[in-house]
Amino acid sequence: MIAISLPRTLLLGAIASLAFTAIARADIVGRESDISGLRLGQKIYVDDGSCPAGQIKEIAGMRLSAAGVEASRKCVDRKGKR
């Protein structure tokens, strides 16, 4: 029983680790035109200098419309190194 449950536990741990890594990873691009295929709930940061010092533009997929995913744009505090 222990031999069967140990690999399953390791597999579930690896999957959870990958999921958290994917969620924590922030996509940063230099221009809004570099964004392709924005998904619902996805956040992409644009470092184009349009926000005040210490902030970066956040583009987020907010809602689904007939034309595709609608995006919201706002300046948010920059986290981490530039």
Protein backbone atom coordinates (compact mmCIF):
# COMPACT_ATOMS: atom_id res chain seq x y z
CA MET A 1 0.00 0.00 0.00
CA ILE A 2 2.80 2.45 0.84
CA ALA A 3 4.61 1.72 -2.44
CA ILE A 4 1.48 2.60 -4.42
CA SER A 5 0.59 5.78 -2.54
CA LEU A 6 4.11 7.26 -2.49
CA PRO A 7 4.42 7.68 -6.30
CA ARG A 8 0.89 9.07 -6.45
CA THR A 9 1.78 11.61 -3.74
CA LEU A 10 4.92 12.63 -5.60
CA LEU A 11 2.99 12.98 -8.85
CA LEU A 12 0.32 15.15 -7.23
CA GLY A 13 3.00 17.28 -5.60
CA ALA A 14 4.76 17.79 -8.93
CA ILE A 15 1.50 18.77 -10.66
CA ALA A 16 0.63 21.23 -7.89
CA SER A 17 4.11 22.73 -8.07
CA LEU A 18 3.82 23.26 -11.83
CA ALA A 19 0.38 24.83 -11.43
CA PHE A 20 1.60 27.33 -8.83
CA THR A 21 4.63 28.17 -10.99
CA ALA A 22 2.39 28.89 -13.97
CA ILE A 23 0.14 31.11 -11.87
CA ALA A 24 3.03 33.03 -10.29
CA ARG A 25 4.85 33.66 -13.56
CA ALA A 26 4.14 37.15 -14.86
CA ASP A 27 4.37 37.89 -18.54
CA ILE A 28 6.07 41.23 -19.22
CA VAL A 29 6.19 42.73 -22.72
CA GLY A 30 7.55 46.00 -24.07
CA ARG A 31 4.49 47.09 -26.10
CA GLU A 32 0.75 46.37 -26.03
CA SER A 33 0.99 45.27 -29.66
CA ASP A 34 3.18 42.35 -28.48
CA ILE A 35 0.17 40.81 -26.70
CA SER A 36 -1.55 38.07 -28.67
CA GLY A 37 -4.27 35.73 -27.51
CA LEU A 38 -5.24 37.29 -24.17
CA ARG A 39 -7.32 34.81 -22.14
CA LEU A 40 -9.95 35.38 -19.46
CA GLY A 41 -8.26 36.03 -16.11
CA GLN A 42 -4.79 36.34 -17.66
CA LYS A 43 -2.66 39.32 -16.63
CA ILE A 44 0.13 40.70 -18.78
CA TYR A 45 2.35 43.59 -17.77
CA VAL A 46 3.45 46.17 -20.34
CA ASP A 47 6.67 48.07 -19.62
CA ASP A 48 6.23 50.89 -22.14
CA GLY A 49 6.88 53.87 -19.84
CA SER A 50 3.28 55.09 -19.92
CA CYS A 51 2.77 54.71 -16.15
CA PRO A 52 4.31 56.82 -13.37
CA ALA A 53 7.64 55.85 -11.80
CA GLY A 54 7.41 52.67 -9.75
CA GLN A 55 4.36 51.41 -11.64
CA ILE A 56 3.72 49.19 -14.66
CA LYS A 57 0.68 48.84 -16.94
CA GLU A 58 -1.44 45.75 -16.26
CA ILE A 59 -3.58 44.34 -19.07
CA ALA A 60 -6.13 41.80 -17.80
CA GLY A 61 -8.66 39.67 -19.69
CA MET A 62 -11.90 40.72 -17.96
CA ARG A 63 -14.94 39.43 -19.84
CA LEU A 64 -15.94 37.56 -22.96
CA SER A 65 -17.82 39.44 -25.67
CA ALA A 66 -18.90 38.57 -29.19
CA ALA A 67 -15.65 40.14 -30.46
CA GLY A 68 -13.45 38.12 -28.05
CA VAL A 69 -11.88 38.80 -24.68
CA GLU A 70 -12.26 42.38 -23.44
CA ALA A 71 -9.20 43.77 -21.67
CA SER A 72 -8.89 46.25 -18.83
CA ARG A 73 -5.85 48.52 -18.52
CA LYS A 74 -4.52 50.10 -15.34
CA CYS A 75 -1.24 51.13 -13.75
CA VAL A 76 -0.23 48.99 -10.77
CA ASP A 77 2.73 49.00 -8.38
CA ARG A 78 5.77 47.30 -9.85
CA LYS A 79 6.81 44.23 -7.89
CA GLY A 80 10.36 42.91 -7.85
CA LYS A 81 13.34 43.98 -9.92
CA ARG A 82 12.92 45.91 -13.10
